[in-house]
Amino acid sequence: MQAFTTIEALAAPLDRSDVDTDALIPKQFLKSISRTGLGPFLFDDWRYLDRGELGQDCSKRPLNPEFVLNQPRYAGCQILLARANFGCGSSREHAVWALAEYGFRIIIAPSFADIFYGNCLKNGLLPMVLDASVIDSEFDAVRTMPNYRMRVDLATQTVATARGGIFHFEIDPHRKHCLLEGLDDIGLTLQAAQQIRAYEQVRRSQEPWLFGSGASPA
């Protein structure tokens, strides 16, 4: 997993509450078990004027000119400004994979669905909760100021805006450590590889029958 450093990036506004995971990545793309290849299908029903299918070449599909991410001013954005209850619906991890492959590193909203929030942290995305009044103000700023950028410092848990505001956000200390070090659950486990091997050796010597290398106990 890519380590999370200080990120200064363009922000894009998605002014909709209760954006569910089916909107993030529709059900027809759940046939894929790969973490890659889903970025072109992020927000598929909103982003395109036709229905997408897994494996389709999206470069030739008709775009919806009204959808925010299709507007040239938001090209290359890595921060998504969103509304309350973002990521509700099913627990599909594909939604986070699609966001990450599209290029997003940070989602800022007043609240998130619990499972989606956890999936973000386990896949290198930072879901940041800010007060609804702050979000309202930032939506106004993003719309009126071209090339609106934010600077997020995970180490200090702060976000600095293009208008000079600095806001603090909360995050679980363990998940903060994992993001800063680029550790998913597998990487975190591998940090204890030496201790795991030592435990298995002791267990093998004490209870060899569990490993097929000795007779069963009487």
N, C-alpha and C. Protein backbone atom coordinates (compact mmCIF):
# COMPACT_ATOMS: atom_id res chain seq x y z
N MET A 1 0.84 -1.18 0.00
CA MET A 1 0.00 0.00 0.00
C MET A 1 0.88 1.25 0.00
N GLN A 2 0.51 2.23 -0.76
CA GLN A 2 1.28 3.46 -0.85
C GLN A 2 1.20 4.25 0.45
N ALA A 3 2.36 4.64 0.98
CA ALA A 3 2.38 5.42 2.21
C ALA A 3 1.74 6.78 1.99
N PHE A 4 1.08 7.28 3.01
CA PHE A 4 0.41 8.58 2.93
C PHE A 4 1.35 9.64 3.47
N THR A 5 1.79 10.52 2.59
CA THR A 5 2.63 11.64 3.00
C THR A 5 1.77 12.89 3.01
N THR A 6 2.38 14.03 3.24
CA THR A 6 1.65 15.29 3.11
C THR A 6 1.24 15.48 1.65
N ILE A 7 -0.02 15.76 1.42
CA ILE A 7 -0.55 15.85 0.05
C ILE A 7 -1.16 17.22 -0.18
N GLU A 8 -0.70 17.90 -1.22
CA GLU A 8 -1.33 19.13 -1.67
C GLU A 8 -1.91 18.87 -3.05
N ALA A 9 -3.21 19.01 -3.18
CA ALA A 9 -3.85 18.58 -4.41
C ALA A 9 -5.11 19.37 -4.71
N LEU A 10 -5.55 19.24 -5.96
CA LEU A 10 -6.79 19.86 -6.42
C LEU A 10 -7.98 19.15 -5.81
N ALA A 11 -9.00 19.93 -5.43
CA ALA A 11 -10.23 19.38 -4.85
C ALA A 11 -11.38 19.51 -5.84
N ALA A 12 -12.26 18.49 -5.83
CA ALA A 12 -13.46 18.52 -6.67
C ALA A 12 -14.68 18.34 -5.77
N PRO A 13 -15.79 19.07 -6.05
CA PRO A 13 -16.98 18.98 -5.20
C PRO A 13 -18.03 18.02 -5.76
N LEU A 14 -18.49 17.09 -4.93
CA LEU A 14 -19.60 16.20 -5.31
C LEU A 14 -20.75 16.53 -4.37
N ASP A 15 -21.64 17.40 -4.83
CA ASP A 15 -22.67 17.97 -3.96
C ASP A 15 -23.91 17.08 -3.91
N ARG A 16 -23.75 15.90 -3.32
CA ARG A 16 -24.87 14.97 -3.15
C ARG A 16 -24.70 14.27 -1.80
N SER A 17 -25.78 14.19 -1.04
CA SER A 17 -25.77 13.43 0.20
C SER A 17 -26.10 11.97 -0.09
N ASP A 18 -25.72 11.09 0.84
CA ASP A 18 -26.08 9.67 0.78
C ASP A 18 -25.62 9.01 -0.51
N VAL A 19 -24.42 9.32 -0.95
CA VAL A 19 -23.86 8.65 -2.13
C VAL A 19 -23.53 7.22 -1.75
N ASP A 20 -24.22 6.27 -2.37
CA ASP A 20 -24.02 4.88 -1.96
C ASP A 20 -22.99 4.17 -2.84
N THR A 21 -22.63 2.97 -2.43
CA THR A 21 -21.57 2.24 -3.13
C THR A 21 -22.00 1.78 -4.51
N ASP A 22 -23.31 1.66 -4.74
CA ASP A 22 -23.77 1.30 -6.08
C ASP A 22 -23.58 2.46 -7.04
N ALA A 23 -23.65 3.68 -6.53
CA ALA A 23 -23.34 4.85 -7.36
C ALA A 23 -21.83 4.93 -7.61
N LEU A 24 -21.04 4.59 -6.61
CA LEU A 24 -19.59 4.63 -6.76
C LEU A 24 -19.11 3.60 -7.78
N ILE A 25 -19.62 2.39 -7.70
CA ILE A 25 -19.26 1.34 -8.68
C ILE A 25 -20.46 0.40 -8.82
N PRO A 26 -21.22 0.53 -9.90
CA PRO A 26 -22.44 -0.25 -10.07
C PRO A 26 -22.21 -1.76 -10.04
N LYS A 27 -23.28 -2.47 -9.79
CA LYS A 27 -23.22 -3.90 -9.49
C LYS A 27 -22.61 -4.75 -10.60
N GLN A 28 -22.72 -4.32 -11.86
CA GLN A 28 -22.20 -5.16 -12.94
C GLN A 28 -20.68 -5.29 -12.91
N PHE A 29 -20.01 -4.41 -12.15
CA PHE A 29 -18.55 -4.46 -12.08
C PHE A 29 -18.05 -5.31 -10.91
N LEU A 30 -18.97 -5.85 -10.13
CA LEU A 30 -18.57 -6.66 -8.99
C LEU A 30 -18.12 -8.05 -9.40
N LYS A 31 -18.26 -8.37 -10.68
CA LYS A 31 -17.77 -9.68 -11.16
C LYS A 31 -16.25 -9.74 -11.11
N SER A 32 -15.62 -8.58 -11.07
CA SER A 32 -14.16 -8.53 -10.99
C SER A 32 -13.71 -8.72 -9.54
N ILE A 33 -12.65 -9.53 -9.35
CA ILE A 33 -12.07 -9.70 -8.02
C ILE A 33 -10.70 -9.02 -7.95
N SER A 34 -10.38 -8.23 -8.97
CA SER A 34 -9.11 -7.53 -9.02
C SER A 34 -9.26 -6.12 -8.47
N ARG A 35 -8.21 -5.62 -7.84
CA ARG A 35 -8.24 -4.26 -7.33
C ARG A 35 -7.97 -3.24 -8.43
N THR A 36 -7.57 -3.70 -9.59
CA THR A 36 -7.25 -2.79 -10.68
C THR A 36 -8.30 -2.91 -11.79
N GLY A 37 -8.35 -1.90 -12.63
CA GLY A 37 -9.26 -1.90 -13.77
C GLY A 37 -10.61 -1.27 -13.51
N LEU A 38 -10.85 -0.77 -12.29
CA LEU A 38 -12.16 -0.23 -11.95
C LEU A 38 -12.21 1.29 -12.02
N GLY A 39 -11.07 1.95 -12.07
CA GLY A 39 -11.05 3.41 -12.10
C GLY A 39 -11.89 4.04 -13.20
N PRO A 40 -11.83 3.52 -14.44
CA PRO A 40 -12.63 4.11 -15.53
C PRO A 40 -14.14 3.98 -15.31
N PHE A 41 -14.55 3.10 -14.39
CA PHE A 41 -15.98 2.88 -14.17
C PHE A 41 -16.50 3.54 -12.89
N LEU A 42 -15.65 4.32 -12.21
CA LEU A 42 -16.09 5.06 -11.04
C LEU A 42 -17.24 5.99 -11.40
N PHE A 43 -18.30 5.98 -10.59
CA PHE A 43 -19.50 6.79 -10.83
C PHE A 43 -20.06 6.53 -12.24
N ASP A 44 -20.06 5.31 -12.67
CA ASP A 44 -20.37 4.99 -14.07
C ASP A 44 -21.72 5.54 -14.53
N ASP A 45 -22.75 5.39 -13.71
CA ASP A 45 -24.08 5.82 -14.13
C ASP A 45 -24.19 7.33 -14.25
N TRP A 46 -23.36 8.07 -13.54
CA TRP A 46 -23.39 9.53 -13.56
C TRP A 46 -22.38 10.10 -14.55
N ARG A 47 -21.34 9.36 -14.77
CA ARG A 47 -20.21 9.87 -15.56
C ARG A 47 -20.42 9.71 -17.06
N TYR A 48 -21.17 8.68 -17.44
CA TYR A 48 -21.37 8.38 -18.86
C TYR A 48 -22.86 8.43 -19.21
N LEU A 49 -23.13 8.53 -20.50
CA LEU A 49 -24.51 8.57 -20.99
C LEU A 49 -25.01 7.20 -21.42
N ASP A 50 -24.15 6.19 -21.39
CA ASP A 50 -24.57 4.83 -21.70
C ASP A 50 -24.23 3.93 -20.51
N ARG A 51 -24.62 2.68 -20.59
CA ARG A 51 -24.35 1.71 -19.52
C ARG A 51 -23.01 1.04 -19.77
N GLY A 52 -22.17 1.04 -18.77
CA GLY A 52 -20.86 0.42 -18.90
C GLY A 52 -20.87 -1.05 -18.53
N GLU A 53 -19.91 -1.77 -19.07
CA GLU A 53 -19.73 -3.19 -18.75
C GLU A 53 -18.25 -3.44 -18.48
N LEU A 54 -17.98 -4.40 -17.63
CA LEU A 54 -16.62 -4.73 -17.26
C LEU A 54 -15.78 -5.06 -18.49
N GLY A 55 -14.60 -4.47 -18.59
CA GLY A 55 -13.71 -4.71 -19.71
C GLY A 55 -13.92 -3.80 -20.89
N GLN A 56 -14.93 -2.95 -20.82
CA GLN A 56 -15.24 -2.04 -21.92
C GLN A 56 -14.19 -0.93 -22.05
N ASP A 57 -13.95 -0.49 -23.28
CA ASP A 57 -13.05 0.64 -23.53
C ASP A 57 -13.83 1.93 -23.29
N CYS A 58 -13.53 2.58 -22.17
CA CYS A 58 -14.30 3.77 -21.80
C CYS A 58 -13.88 5.02 -22.57
N SER A 59 -12.77 4.95 -23.28
CA SER A 59 -12.30 6.13 -24.00
C SER A 59 -13.25 6.53 -25.14
N LYS A 60 -14.11 5.61 -25.58
CA LYS A 60 -15.02 5.89 -26.68
C LYS A 60 -16.46 6.08 -26.23
N ARG A 61 -16.68 6.09 -24.92
CA ARG A 61 -18.04 6.22 -24.41
C ARG A 61 -18.47 7.68 -24.31
N PRO A 62 -19.75 7.97 -24.50
CA PRO A 62 -20.22 9.37 -24.40
C PRO A 62 -20.25 9.83 -22.95
N LEU A 63 -19.61 10.97 -22.68
CA LEU A 63 -19.54 11.50 -21.33
C LEU A 63 -20.75 12.39 -21.02
N ASN A 64 -21.14 12.40 -19.76
CA ASN A 64 -22.17 13.31 -19.30
C ASN A 64 -21.51 14.65 -18.97
N PRO A 65 -21.73 15.69 -19.75
CA PRO A 65 -21.03 16.96 -19.54
C PRO A 65 -21.42 17.66 -18.24
N GLU A 66 -22.55 17.26 -17.64
CA GLU A 66 -23.01 17.89 -16.42
C GLU A 66 -22.34 17.32 -15.16
N PHE A 67 -21.71 16.15 -15.29
CA PHE A 67 -21.13 15.53 -14.11
C PHE A 67 -19.81 16.21 -13.75
N VAL A 68 -19.63 16.48 -12.47
CA VAL A 68 -18.52 17.31 -12.02
C VAL A 68 -17.15 16.79 -12.44
N LEU A 69 -16.93 15.49 -12.39
CA LEU A 69 -15.59 14.97 -12.70
C LEU A 69 -15.28 15.01 -14.19
N ASN A 70 -16.28 15.31 -15.01
CA ASN A 70 -16.05 15.46 -16.45
C ASN A 70 -15.71 16.89 -16.83
N GLN A 71 -15.73 17.79 -15.88
CA GLN A 71 -15.41 19.19 -16.16
C GLN A 71 -13.89 19.38 -16.15
N PRO A 72 -13.33 19.99 -17.17
CA PRO A 72 -11.88 20.14 -17.30
C PRO A 72 -11.20 20.77 -16.09
N ARG A 73 -11.89 21.66 -15.39
CA ARG A 73 -11.27 22.35 -14.26
C ARG A 73 -10.91 21.42 -13.11
N TYR A 74 -11.52 20.21 -13.10
CA TYR A 74 -11.25 19.27 -12.02
C TYR A 74 -10.37 18.09 -12.46
N ALA A 75 -9.81 18.19 -13.64
CA ALA A 75 -8.94 17.12 -14.12
C ALA A 75 -7.73 16.95 -13.20
N GLY A 76 -7.44 15.73 -12.82
CA GLY A 76 -6.29 15.45 -11.97
C GLY A 76 -6.54 15.64 -10.49
N CYS A 77 -7.80 15.82 -10.09
CA CYS A 77 -8.11 16.03 -8.67
C CYS A 77 -7.79 14.77 -7.86
N GLN A 78 -7.32 14.98 -6.64
CA GLN A 78 -7.03 13.89 -5.72
C GLN A 78 -7.83 13.98 -4.42
N ILE A 79 -8.55 15.07 -4.28
CA ILE A 79 -9.37 15.28 -3.08
C ILE A 79 -10.82 15.43 -3.52
N LEU A 80 -11.71 14.66 -2.89
CA LEU A 80 -13.13 14.74 -3.21
C LEU A 80 -13.86 15.33 -2.00
N LEU A 81 -14.54 16.43 -2.23
CA LEU A 81 -15.35 17.08 -1.21
C LEU A 81 -16.77 16.55 -1.35
N ALA A 82 -17.30 15.98 -0.29
CA ALA A 82 -18.58 15.28 -0.38
C ALA A 82 -19.52 15.70 0.75
N ARG A 83 -20.73 15.16 0.68
CA ARG A 83 -21.75 15.45 1.68
C ARG A 83 -21.92 14.28 2.66
N ALA A 84 -22.93 14.39 3.51
CA ALA A 84 -23.11 13.44 4.61
C ALA A 84 -23.41 12.02 4.14
N ASN A 85 -23.00 11.07 4.98
CA ASN A 85 -23.29 9.65 4.78
C ASN A 85 -22.69 9.11 3.49
N PHE A 86 -21.50 9.56 3.16
CA PHE A 86 -20.84 9.12 1.94
C PHE A 86 -20.44 7.65 2.08
N GLY A 87 -20.69 6.87 1.02
CA GLY A 87 -20.30 5.47 1.00
C GLY A 87 -21.29 4.53 1.66
N CYS A 88 -22.54 4.96 1.79
CA CYS A 88 -23.56 4.09 2.38
C CYS A 88 -23.92 2.97 1.40
N GLY A 89 -24.75 2.05 1.85
CA GLY A 89 -25.15 0.94 0.98
C GLY A 89 -24.40 -0.33 1.30
N SER A 90 -24.03 -1.06 0.28
CA SER A 90 -23.38 -2.36 0.48
C SER A 90 -21.95 -2.17 0.95
N SER A 91 -21.34 -3.28 1.36
CA SER A 91 -19.97 -3.25 1.90
C SER A 91 -18.92 -3.45 0.82
N ARG A 92 -19.29 -3.40 -0.45
CA ARG A 92 -18.36 -3.72 -1.55
C ARG A 92 -17.08 -2.90 -1.47
N GLU A 93 -15.95 -3.60 -1.39
CA GLU A 93 -14.66 -2.94 -1.34
C GLU A 93 -14.29 -2.36 -2.70
N HIS A 94 -14.96 -2.84 -3.75
CA HIS A 94 -14.71 -2.34 -5.10
C HIS A 94 -14.87 -0.82 -5.18
N ALA A 95 -15.75 -0.26 -4.34
CA ALA A 95 -15.99 1.19 -4.37
C ALA A 95 -14.72 1.95 -4.03
N VAL A 96 -13.99 1.46 -3.03
CA VAL A 96 -12.75 2.11 -2.63
C VAL A 96 -11.67 1.86 -3.67
N TRP A 97 -11.62 0.66 -4.22
CA TRP A 97 -10.62 0.36 -5.26
C TRP A 97 -10.80 1.30 -6.45
N ALA A 98 -12.06 1.56 -6.83
CA ALA A 98 -12.33 2.43 -7.98
C ALA A 98 -11.90 3.87 -7.68
N LEU A 99 -12.20 4.35 -6.48
CA LEU A 99 -11.79 5.69 -6.10
C LEU A 99 -10.28 5.84 -6.12
N ALA A 100 -9.60 4.84 -5.58
CA ALA A 100 -8.14 4.89 -5.51
C ALA A 100 -7.51 4.85 -6.89
N GLU A 101 -8.03 3.99 -7.76
CA GLU A 101 -7.43 3.89 -9.10
C GLU A 101 -7.72 5.14 -9.93
N TYR A 102 -8.86 5.77 -9.68
CA TYR A 102 -9.15 7.03 -10.37
C TYR A 102 -8.10 8.09 -10.03
N GLY A 103 -7.61 8.03 -8.79
CA GLY A 103 -6.59 8.98 -8.37
C GLY A 103 -6.87 9.68 -7.06
N PHE A 104 -8.01 9.39 -6.44
CA PHE A 104 -8.34 10.03 -5.18
C PHE A 104 -7.49 9.47 -4.04
N ARG A 105 -7.01 10.37 -3.18
CA ARG A 105 -6.29 9.97 -1.97
C ARG A 105 -7.04 10.38 -0.71
N ILE A 106 -7.94 11.35 -0.85
CA ILE A 106 -8.62 11.91 0.32
C ILE A 106 -10.09 12.16 -0.03
N ILE A 107 -10.99 11.75 0.87
CA ILE A 107 -12.41 12.06 0.76
C ILE A 107 -12.77 12.87 2.00
N ILE A 108 -13.35 14.05 1.81
CA ILE A 108 -13.72 14.91 2.93
C ILE A 108 -15.25 15.01 2.97
N ALA A 109 -15.83 14.68 4.12
CA ALA A 109 -17.29 14.71 4.25
C ALA A 109 -17.67 14.91 5.72
N PRO A 110 -18.92 15.32 5.99
CA PRO A 110 -19.36 15.45 7.38
C PRO A 110 -19.51 14.10 8.08
N SER A 111 -19.78 13.04 7.29
CA SER A 111 -19.92 11.70 7.87
C SER A 111 -19.79 10.65 6.77
N PHE A 112 -19.43 9.43 7.19
CA PHE A 112 -19.25 8.31 6.28
C PHE A 112 -20.00 7.09 6.81
N ALA A 113 -20.37 6.20 5.90
CA ALA A 113 -20.86 4.89 6.32
C ALA A 113 -19.70 4.13 6.96
N ASP A 114 -19.97 3.39 8.04
CA ASP A 114 -18.90 2.78 8.84
C ASP A 114 -18.03 1.82 8.04
N ILE A 115 -18.64 0.90 7.29
CA ILE A 115 -17.86 -0.10 6.56
C ILE A 115 -17.03 0.56 5.47
N PHE A 116 -17.62 1.50 4.77
CA PHE A 116 -16.87 2.22 3.74
C PHE A 116 -15.69 2.95 4.36
N TYR A 117 -15.89 3.58 5.49
CA TYR A 117 -14.82 4.31 6.18
C TYR A 117 -13.65 3.37 6.49
N GLY A 118 -13.96 2.18 7.01
CA GLY A 118 -12.91 1.22 7.30
C GLY A 118 -12.22 0.71 6.05
N ASN A 119 -12.98 0.49 4.99
CA ASN A 119 -12.39 0.03 3.74
C ASN A 119 -11.41 1.05 3.16
N CYS A 120 -11.74 2.34 3.30
CA CYS A 120 -10.83 3.39 2.84
C CYS A 120 -9.49 3.28 3.55
N LEU A 121 -9.52 3.22 4.86
CA LEU A 121 -8.29 3.20 5.64
C LEU A 121 -7.44 1.97 5.33
N LYS A 122 -8.08 0.86 5.03
CA LYS A 122 -7.34 -0.38 4.73
C LYS A 122 -6.77 -0.39 3.32
N ASN A 123 -7.17 0.58 2.51
CA ASN A 123 -6.70 0.63 1.11
C ASN A 123 -5.96 1.92 0.78
N GLY A 124 -5.51 2.64 1.79
CA GLY A 124 -4.65 3.79 1.55
C GLY A 124 -5.35 5.10 1.27
N LEU A 125 -6.69 5.16 1.41
CA LEU A 125 -7.42 6.41 1.25
C LEU A 125 -7.69 7.00 2.63
N LEU A 126 -7.66 8.32 2.71
CA LEU A 126 -7.95 9.00 3.96
C LEU A 126 -9.37 9.55 3.93
N PRO A 127 -10.30 8.97 4.72
CA PRO A 127 -11.64 9.55 4.84
C PRO A 127 -11.62 10.57 5.98
N MET A 128 -11.79 11.82 5.67
CA MET A 128 -11.65 12.89 6.65
C MET A 128 -13.01 13.47 7.01
N VAL A 129 -13.31 13.49 8.29
CA VAL A 129 -14.57 14.06 8.77
C VAL A 129 -14.33 15.49 9.24
N LEU A 130 -15.06 16.43 8.65
CA LEU A 130 -15.04 17.82 9.09
C LEU A 130 -16.48 18.25 9.39
N ASP A 131 -16.61 19.28 10.19
CA ASP A 131 -17.92 19.78 10.55
C ASP A 131 -18.70 20.22 9.30
N ALA A 132 -20.02 20.02 9.35
CA ALA A 132 -20.87 20.33 8.19
C ALA A 132 -20.77 21.80 7.79
N SER A 133 -20.61 22.69 8.75
CA SER A 133 -20.50 24.11 8.42
C SER A 133 -19.21 24.41 7.67
N VAL A 134 -18.14 23.70 8.02
CA VAL A 134 -16.87 23.85 7.29
C VAL A 134 -17.03 23.32 5.87
N ILE A 135 -17.68 22.18 5.75
CA ILE A 135 -17.92 21.59 4.42
C ILE A 135 -18.72 22.55 3.55
N ASP A 136 -19.77 23.16 4.11
CA ASP A 136 -20.58 24.13 3.35
C ASP A 136 -19.71 25.26 2.81
N SER A 137 -18.86 25.79 3.66
CA SER A 137 -17.99 26.89 3.26
C SER A 137 -17.01 26.46 2.17
N GLU A 138 -16.48 25.24 2.29
CA GLU A 138 -15.53 24.76 1.30
C GLU A 138 -16.19 24.48 -0.05
N PHE A 139 -17.44 24.04 -0.03
CA PHE A 139 -18.16 23.86 -1.30
C PHE A 139 -18.28 25.20 -2.03
N ASP A 140 -18.61 26.24 -1.30
CA ASP A 140 -18.71 27.57 -1.91
C ASP A 140 -17.36 27.99 -2.50
N ALA A 141 -16.29 27.73 -1.76
CA ALA A 141 -14.95 28.14 -2.22
C ALA A 141 -14.52 27.36 -3.46
N VAL A 142 -14.75 26.06 -3.47
CA VAL A 142 -14.33 25.23 -4.60
C VAL A 142 -15.05 25.66 -5.87
N ARG A 143 -16.32 26.01 -5.74
CA ARG A 143 -17.09 26.42 -6.93
C ARG A 143 -16.63 27.76 -7.49
N THR A 144 -16.24 28.67 -6.61
CA THR A 144 -15.96 30.04 -7.05
C THR A 144 -14.49 30.30 -7.37
N MET A 145 -13.60 29.47 -6.83
CA MET A 145 -12.17 29.69 -7.04
C MET A 145 -11.60 28.60 -7.94
N PRO A 146 -11.16 28.92 -9.15
CA PRO A 146 -10.55 27.91 -10.03
C PRO A 146 -9.29 27.33 -9.40
N ASN A 147 -9.02 26.09 -9.72
CA ASN A 147 -7.81 25.41 -9.24
C ASN A 147 -7.71 25.44 -7.72
N TYR A 148 -8.82 25.14 -7.07
CA TYR A 148 -8.87 25.19 -5.60
C TYR A 148 -8.14 23.98 -5.02
N ARG A 149 -7.11 24.25 -4.24
CA ARG A 149 -6.26 23.21 -3.71
C ARG A 149 -6.31 23.19 -2.19
N MET A 150 -6.03 22.01 -1.64
CA MET A 150 -5.94 21.81 -0.20
C MET A 150 -4.64 21.08 0.11
N ARG A 151 -4.13 21.33 1.29
CA ARG A 151 -2.90 20.66 1.74
C ARG A 151 -3.22 19.87 3.00
N VAL A 152 -3.09 18.56 2.91
CA VAL A 152 -3.42 17.67 4.01
C VAL A 152 -2.15 17.10 4.61
N ASP A 153 -1.98 17.31 5.91
CA ASP A 153 -0.82 16.78 6.64
C ASP A 153 -1.34 15.76 7.65
N LEU A 154 -1.15 14.50 7.35
CA LEU A 154 -1.67 13.45 8.22
C LEU A 154 -0.93 13.42 9.56
N ALA A 155 0.36 13.69 9.54
CA ALA A 155 1.14 13.65 10.78
C ALA A 155 0.59 14.61 11.82
N THR A 156 0.21 15.81 11.39
CA THR A 156 -0.34 16.80 12.32
C THR A 156 -1.86 16.79 12.34
N GLN A 157 -2.46 15.98 11.49
CA GLN A 157 -3.92 15.85 11.37
C GLN A 157 -4.58 17.20 11.08
N THR A 158 -4.05 17.88 10.08
CA THR A 158 -4.58 19.17 9.68
C THR A 158 -4.78 19.24 8.18
N VAL A 159 -5.73 20.08 7.78
CA VAL A 159 -5.93 20.39 6.37
C VAL A 159 -5.94 21.90 6.23
N ALA A 160 -5.12 22.41 5.32
CA ALA A 160 -5.04 23.84 5.04
C ALA A 160 -5.69 24.11 3.70
N THR A 161 -6.55 25.10 3.63
CA THR A 161 -7.29 25.39 2.41
C THR A 161 -6.68 26.57 1.67
N ALA A 162 -7.09 26.72 0.41
CA ALA A 162 -6.57 27.80 -0.43
C ALA A 162 -6.98 29.17 0.09
N ARG A 163 -7.99 29.23 0.92
CA ARG A 163 -8.44 30.51 1.47
C ARG A 163 -7.75 30.85 2.79
N GLY A 164 -6.83 30.00 3.22
CA GLY A 164 -6.08 30.28 4.44
C GLY A 164 -6.61 29.62 5.69
N GLY A 165 -7.70 28.86 5.59
CA GLY A 165 -8.22 28.16 6.76
C GLY A 165 -7.40 26.93 7.09
N ILE A 166 -7.28 26.62 8.36
CA ILE A 166 -6.60 25.40 8.82
C ILE A 166 -7.54 24.68 9.78
N PHE A 167 -7.81 23.42 9.47
CA PHE A 167 -8.76 22.64 10.26
C PHE A 167 -8.12 21.34 10.73
N HIS A 168 -8.49 20.93 11.93
CA HIS A 168 -7.98 19.69 12.53
C HIS A 168 -9.00 18.58 12.30
N PHE A 169 -8.52 17.38 12.06
CA PHE A 169 -9.42 16.23 11.93
C PHE A 169 -8.93 15.09 12.82
N GLU A 170 -9.85 14.22 13.19
CA GLU A 170 -9.54 13.08 14.06
C GLU A 170 -9.34 11.82 13.23
N ILE A 171 -8.49 10.93 13.73
CA ILE A 171 -8.28 9.63 13.11
C ILE A 171 -7.75 8.67 14.17
N ASP A 172 -8.15 7.42 14.09
CA ASP A 172 -7.66 6.42 15.03
C ASP A 172 -6.14 6.32 14.95
N PRO A 173 -5.43 6.35 16.09
CA PRO A 173 -3.96 6.34 16.06
C PRO A 173 -3.36 5.14 15.33
N HIS A 174 -3.99 3.97 15.48
CA HIS A 174 -3.47 2.78 14.79
C HIS A 174 -3.59 2.93 13.28
N ARG A 175 -4.75 3.39 12.82
CA ARG A 175 -4.94 3.55 11.38
C ARG A 175 -4.07 4.68 10.83
N LYS A 176 -3.85 5.70 11.62
CA LYS A 176 -2.93 6.77 11.22
C LYS A 176 -1.54 6.21 10.99
N HIS A 177 -1.07 5.38 11.92
CA HIS A 177 0.25 4.76 11.78
C HIS A 177 0.32 3.92 10.50
N CYS A 178 -0.72 3.13 10.25
CA CYS A 178 -0.71 2.27 9.06
C CYS A 178 -0.66 3.09 7.77
N LEU A 179 -1.41 4.19 7.72
CA LEU A 179 -1.39 5.04 6.52
C LEU A 179 -0.02 5.68 6.32
N LEU A 180 0.55 6.20 7.40
CA LEU A 180 1.85 6.86 7.30
C LEU A 180 2.94 5.89 6.86
N GLU A 181 2.83 4.63 7.29
CA GLU A 181 3.84 3.63 6.97
C GLU A 181 3.51 2.83 5.71
N GLY A 182 2.33 3.03 5.14
CA GLY A 182 1.93 2.28 3.95
C GLY A 182 1.66 0.82 4.24
N LEU A 183 1.01 0.54 5.37
CA LEU A 183 0.77 -0.84 5.80
C LEU A 183 -0.70 -1.19 5.69
N ASP A 184 -1.03 -2.15 4.83
CA ASP A 184 -2.37 -2.74 4.88
C ASP A 184 -2.34 -3.86 5.92
N ASP A 185 -3.42 -4.62 6.04
CA ASP A 185 -3.48 -5.65 7.09
C ASP A 185 -2.41 -6.72 6.88
N ILE A 186 -2.12 -7.05 5.63
CA ILE A 186 -1.08 -8.06 5.36
C ILE A 186 0.29 -7.51 5.73
N GLY A 187 0.56 -6.28 5.32
CA GLY A 187 1.84 -5.66 5.64
C GLY A 187 2.05 -5.52 7.13
N LEU A 188 0.97 -5.20 7.83
CA LEU A 188 1.05 -5.08 9.29
C LEU A 188 1.39 -6.42 9.92
N THR A 189 0.78 -7.49 9.42
CA THR A 189 1.06 -8.83 9.94
C THR A 189 2.50 -9.24 9.67
N LEU A 190 3.00 -8.92 8.48
CA LEU A 190 4.36 -9.31 8.12
C LEU A 190 5.42 -8.62 8.98
N GLN A 191 5.06 -7.53 9.62
CA GLN A 191 6.00 -6.89 10.54
C GLN A 191 6.32 -7.79 11.73
N ALA A 192 5.43 -8.71 12.02
CA ALA A 192 5.63 -9.64 13.12
C ALA A 192 6.03 -11.03 12.63
N ALA A 193 6.59 -11.10 11.42
CA ALA A 193 6.91 -12.40 10.81
C ALA A 193 7.86 -13.22 11.68
N GLN A 194 8.88 -12.58 12.25
CA GLN A 194 9.85 -13.31 13.07
C GLN A 194 9.19 -13.92 14.30
N GLN A 195 8.34 -13.15 14.96
CA GLN A 195 7.64 -13.68 16.13
C GLN A 195 6.67 -14.79 15.76
N ILE A 196 6.03 -14.67 14.60
CA ILE A 196 5.10 -15.71 14.15
C ILE A 196 5.84 -17.01 13.89
N ARG A 197 7.00 -16.92 13.22
CA ARG A 197 7.79 -18.13 12.95
C ARG A 197 8.28 -18.76 14.25
N ALA A 198 8.70 -17.94 15.21
CA ALA A 198 9.17 -18.48 16.49
C ALA A 198 8.05 -19.22 17.21
N TYR A 199 6.86 -18.64 17.19
CA TYR A 199 5.70 -19.28 17.82
C TYR A 199 5.39 -20.62 17.14
N GLU A 200 5.42 -20.64 15.82
CA GLU A 200 5.11 -21.88 15.09
C GLU A 200 6.14 -22.97 15.38
N GLN A 201 7.40 -22.59 15.53
CA GLN A 201 8.43 -23.58 15.85
C GLN A 201 8.20 -24.19 17.23
N VAL A 202 7.86 -23.34 18.21
CA VAL A 202 7.56 -23.85 19.55
C VAL A 202 6.34 -24.75 19.52
N ARG A 203 5.32 -24.31 18.84
CA ARG A 203 4.08 -25.11 18.75
C ARG A 203 4.35 -26.45 18.07
N ARG A 204 5.18 -26.45 17.03
CA ARG A 204 5.49 -27.69 16.31
C ARG A 204 6.23 -28.68 17.22
N SER A 205 7.13 -28.15 18.04
CA SER A 205 7.87 -29.05 18.93
C SER A 205 7.01 -29.57 20.07
N GLN A 206 6.06 -28.79 20.53
CA GLN A 206 5.22 -29.19 21.65
C GLN A 206 4.05 -30.07 21.22
N GLU A 207 3.52 -29.84 20.03
CA GLU A 207 2.33 -30.56 19.55
C GLU A 207 2.53 -30.99 18.11
N PRO A 208 3.49 -31.87 17.85
CA PRO A 208 3.84 -32.22 16.46
C PRO A 208 2.70 -32.88 15.70
N TRP A 209 1.77 -33.52 16.41
CA TRP A 209 0.67 -34.19 15.73
C TRP A 209 -0.23 -33.21 14.97
N LEU A 210 -0.22 -31.97 15.39
CA LEU A 210 -1.02 -30.97 14.68
C LEU A 210 -0.47 -30.66 13.30
N PHE A 211 0.81 -30.99 13.09
CA PHE A 211 1.48 -30.69 11.83
C PHE A 211 1.76 -31.95 11.00
N GLY A 212 1.15 -33.07 11.43
CA GLY A 212 1.33 -34.32 10.69
C GLY A 212 2.71 -34.93 10.82
N SER A 213 3.45 -34.54 11.86
CA SER A 213 4.81 -35.04 12.01
C SER A 213 5.01 -35.89 13.25
N GLY A 214 3.94 -36.36 13.84
CA GLY A 214 4.07 -37.22 15.02
C GLY A 214 2.79 -37.96 15.29
N ALA A 215 2.84 -38.89 16.18
CA ALA A 215 1.65 -39.68 16.51
C ALA A 215 0.68 -38.85 17.33
N SER A 216 -0.59 -39.23 17.26
CA SER A 216 -1.60 -38.53 18.03
C SER A 216 -1.39 -38.81 19.51
N PRO A 217 -1.69 -37.85 20.37
CA PRO A 217 -1.53 -38.09 21.80
C PRO A 217 -2.50 -39.13 22.30
N ALA A 218 -2.15 -39.84 23.36
CA ALA A 218 -2.98 -40.90 23.92
C ALA A 218 -4.25 -40.30 24.51
